[in-house]
Amino acid sequence: MLCCAVLCYAMLCYAMLLLACLLACLLACLLACLLLLLLLLLLLLLLLLLVLLLLLLSRYLPSLFLIHFSEPTRLRRTAYAVFCFK
């Protein structure tokens, strides 16, 4: 009878240990997911700030036009790109 009680107690302790490990793993996964979500939100905020900065700069900087020249008559093809202000 005592052996059965000790065995039941040991099984209960083992089950509680497994449950504690499972809860610790779930908590660690939840924390990792929350950190990833926070990182994603920070990246989105930085992207939004970059877009706003580009919009502000585009209002105050003159526009640039790209003019492309190429010379297909030479032995080696030569191309030039020139940027001009608006």
C-alpha atoms as a PDB file:
ATOM      1  CA  MET A   1       0.000   0.000   0.000  1.00  0.00           C
ATOM      2  CA  LEU A   2       2.840   2.398   0.863  1.00  0.00           C
ATOM      3  CA  CYS A   3       4.623   1.506  -2.382  1.00  0.00           C
ATOM      4  CA  CYS A   4       1.500   2.416  -4.383  1.00  0.00           C
ATOM      5  CA  ALA A   5       1.197   5.781  -2.587  1.00  0.00           C
ATOM      6  CA  VAL A   6       4.855   6.576  -3.245  1.00  0.00           C
ATOM      7  CA  LEU A   7       4.422   5.629  -6.907  1.00  0.00           C
ATOM      8  CA  CYS A   8       1.306   7.818  -7.234  1.00  0.00           C
ATOM      9  CA  TYR A   9       3.148  10.719  -5.572  1.00  0.00           C
ATOM     10  CA  ALA A  10       6.107  10.289  -7.922  1.00  0.00           C
ATOM     11  CA  MET A  11       3.805  10.214 -10.966  1.00  0.00           C
ATOM     12  CA  LEU A  12       2.021  13.330  -9.716  1.00  0.00           C
ATOM     13  CA  CYS A  13       5.355  15.133  -9.225  1.00  0.00           C
ATOM     14  CA  TYR A  14       6.463  14.057 -12.720  1.00  0.00           C
ATOM     15  CA  ALA A  15       3.185  15.285 -14.244  1.00  0.00           C
ATOM     16  CA  MET A  16       3.521  18.608 -12.437  1.00  0.00           C
ATOM     17  CA  LEU A  17       7.092  18.953 -13.672  1.00  0.00           C
ATOM     18  CA  LEU A  18       6.003  18.251 -17.251  1.00  0.00           C
ATOM     19  CA  LEU A  19       3.193  20.791 -16.932  1.00  0.00           C
ATOM     20  CA  ALA A  20       5.617  23.402 -15.565  1.00  0.00           C
ATOM     21  CA  CYS A  21       8.009  22.761 -18.467  1.00  0.00           C
ATOM     22  CA  LEU A  22       5.160  23.033 -20.963  1.00  0.00           C
ATOM     23  CA  LEU A  23       3.985  26.311 -19.449  1.00  0.00           C
ATOM     24  CA  ALA A  24       7.548  27.664 -19.485  1.00  0.00           C
ATOM     25  CA  CYS A  25       7.890  26.753 -23.168  1.00  0.00           C
ATOM     26  CA  LEU A  26       4.550  28.367 -23.997  1.00  0.00           C
ATOM     27  CA  LEU A  27       5.525  31.495 -22.105  1.00  0.00           C
ATOM     28  CA  ALA A  28       8.863  31.650 -23.940  1.00  0.00           C
ATOM     29  CA  CYS A  29       7.103  31.272 -27.306  1.00  0.00           C
ATOM     30  CA  LEU A  30       4.601  33.966 -26.393  1.00  0.00           C
ATOM     31  CA  LEU A  31       7.398  36.300 -25.354  1.00  0.00           C
ATOM     32  CA  ALA A  32       9.285  35.623 -28.602  1.00  0.00           C
ATOM     33  CA  CYS A  33       6.129  36.335 -30.630  1.00  0.00           C
ATOM     34  CA  LEU A  34       5.548  39.573 -28.739  1.00  0.00           C
ATOM     35  CA  LEU A  35       9.145  40.659 -29.348  1.00  0.00           C
ATOM     36  CA  LEU A  36       8.823  39.892 -33.052  1.00  0.00           C
ATOM     37  CA  LEU A  37       5.589  41.850 -33.199  1.00  0.00           C
ATOM     38  CA  LEU A  38       7.257  44.785 -31.465  1.00  0.00           C
ATOM     39  CA  LEU A  39      10.159  44.644 -33.909  1.00  0.00           C
ATOM     40  CA  LEU A  40       7.739  44.565 -36.838  1.00  0.00           C
ATOM     41  CA  LEU A  41       5.881  47.574 -35.471  1.00  0.00           C
ATOM     42  CA  LEU A  42       9.144  49.463 -35.044  1.00  0.00           C
ATOM     43  CA  LEU A  43      10.160  48.655 -38.621  1.00  0.00           C
ATOM     44  CA  LEU A  44       6.784  49.840 -39.897  1.00  0.00           C
ATOM     45  CA  LEU A  45       7.177  53.045 -37.914  1.00  0.00           C
ATOM     46  CA  LEU A  46      10.634  53.619 -39.405  1.00  0.00           C
ATOM     47  CA  LEU A  47       9.252  52.990 -42.884  1.00  0.00           C
ATOM     48  CA  LEU A  48       6.461  55.481 -42.264  1.00  0.00           C
ATOM     49  CA  LEU A  49       8.963  58.070 -41.042  1.00  0.00           C
ATOM     50  CA  LEU A  50      11.122  57.471 -44.107  1.00  0.00           C
ATOM     51  CA  VAL A  51       8.151  57.939 -46.431  1.00  0.00           C
ATOM     52  CA  LEU A  52       7.192  61.144 -44.637  1.00  0.00           C
ATOM     53  CA  LEU A  53      10.768  62.404 -44.880  1.00  0.00           C
ATOM     54  CA  LEU A  54      10.870  61.637 -48.599  1.00  0.00           C
ATOM     55  CA  LEU A  55       7.569  63.440 -49.110  1.00  0.00           C
ATOM     56  CA  LEU A  56       8.897  66.488 -47.281  1.00  0.00           C
ATOM     57  CA  LEU A  57      12.142  66.453 -49.238  1.00  0.00           C
ATOM     58  CA  SER A  58      10.338  66.083 -52.551  1.00  0.00           C
ATOM     59  CA  ARG A  59       8.425  69.287 -51.855  1.00  0.00           C
ATOM     60  CA  TYR A  60      11.578  71.319 -51.257  1.00  0.00           C
ATOM     61  CA  LEU A  61      14.105  69.747 -53.603  1.00  0.00           C
ATOM     62  CA  PRO A  62      13.935  70.353 -57.329  1.00  0.00           C
ATOM     63  CA  SER A  63      12.951  67.435 -59.500  1.00  0.00           C
ATOM     64  CA  LEU A  64      15.585  65.592 -61.483  1.00  0.00           C
ATOM     65  CA  PHE A  65      15.195  64.249 -64.998  1.00  0.00           C
ATOM     66  CA  LEU A  66      17.258  61.439 -66.421  1.00  0.00           C
ATOM     67  CA  ILE A  67      18.534  61.832 -69.980  1.00  0.00           C
ATOM     68  CA  HIS A  68      20.144  58.750 -71.492  1.00  0.00           C
ATOM     69  CA  PHE A  69      22.570  58.851 -74.438  1.00  0.00           C
ATOM     70  CA  SER A  70      24.017  55.863 -76.179  1.00  0.00           C
ATOM     71  CA  GLU A  71      26.491  55.524 -79.031  1.00  0.00           C
ATOM     72  CA  PRO A  72      25.768  52.299 -80.924  1.00  0.00           C
ATOM     73  CA  THR A  73      28.089  53.204 -83.826  1.00  0.00           C
ATOM     74  CA  ARG A  74      31.313  52.692 -81.855  1.00  0.00           C
ATOM     75  CA  LEU A  75      33.070  49.356 -81.488  1.00  0.00           C
ATOM     76  CA  ARG A  76      32.110  49.130 -77.843  1.00  0.00           C
ATOM     77  CA  ARG A  77      28.693  50.386 -76.906  1.00  0.00           C
ATOM     78  CA  THR A  78      29.010  53.420 -74.709  1.00  0.00           C
ATOM     79  CA  ALA A  79      26.133  54.857 -72.726  1.00  0.00           C
ATOM     80  CA  TYR A  80      25.879  57.993 -70.642  1.00  0.00           C
ATOM     81  CA  ALA A  81      23.323  59.074 -68.122  1.00  0.00           C
ATOM     82  CA  VAL A  82      22.853  62.740 -67.360  1.00  0.00           C
ATOM     83  CA  PHE A  83      20.658  64.149 -64.579  1.00  0.00           C
ATOM     84  CA  CYS A  84      19.146  67.558 -65.166  1.00  0.00           C
ATOM     85  CA  PHE A  85      17.268  69.831 -62.759  1.00  0.00           C
ATOM     86  CA  LYS A  86      13.720  70.757 -63.610  1.00  0.00           C
END
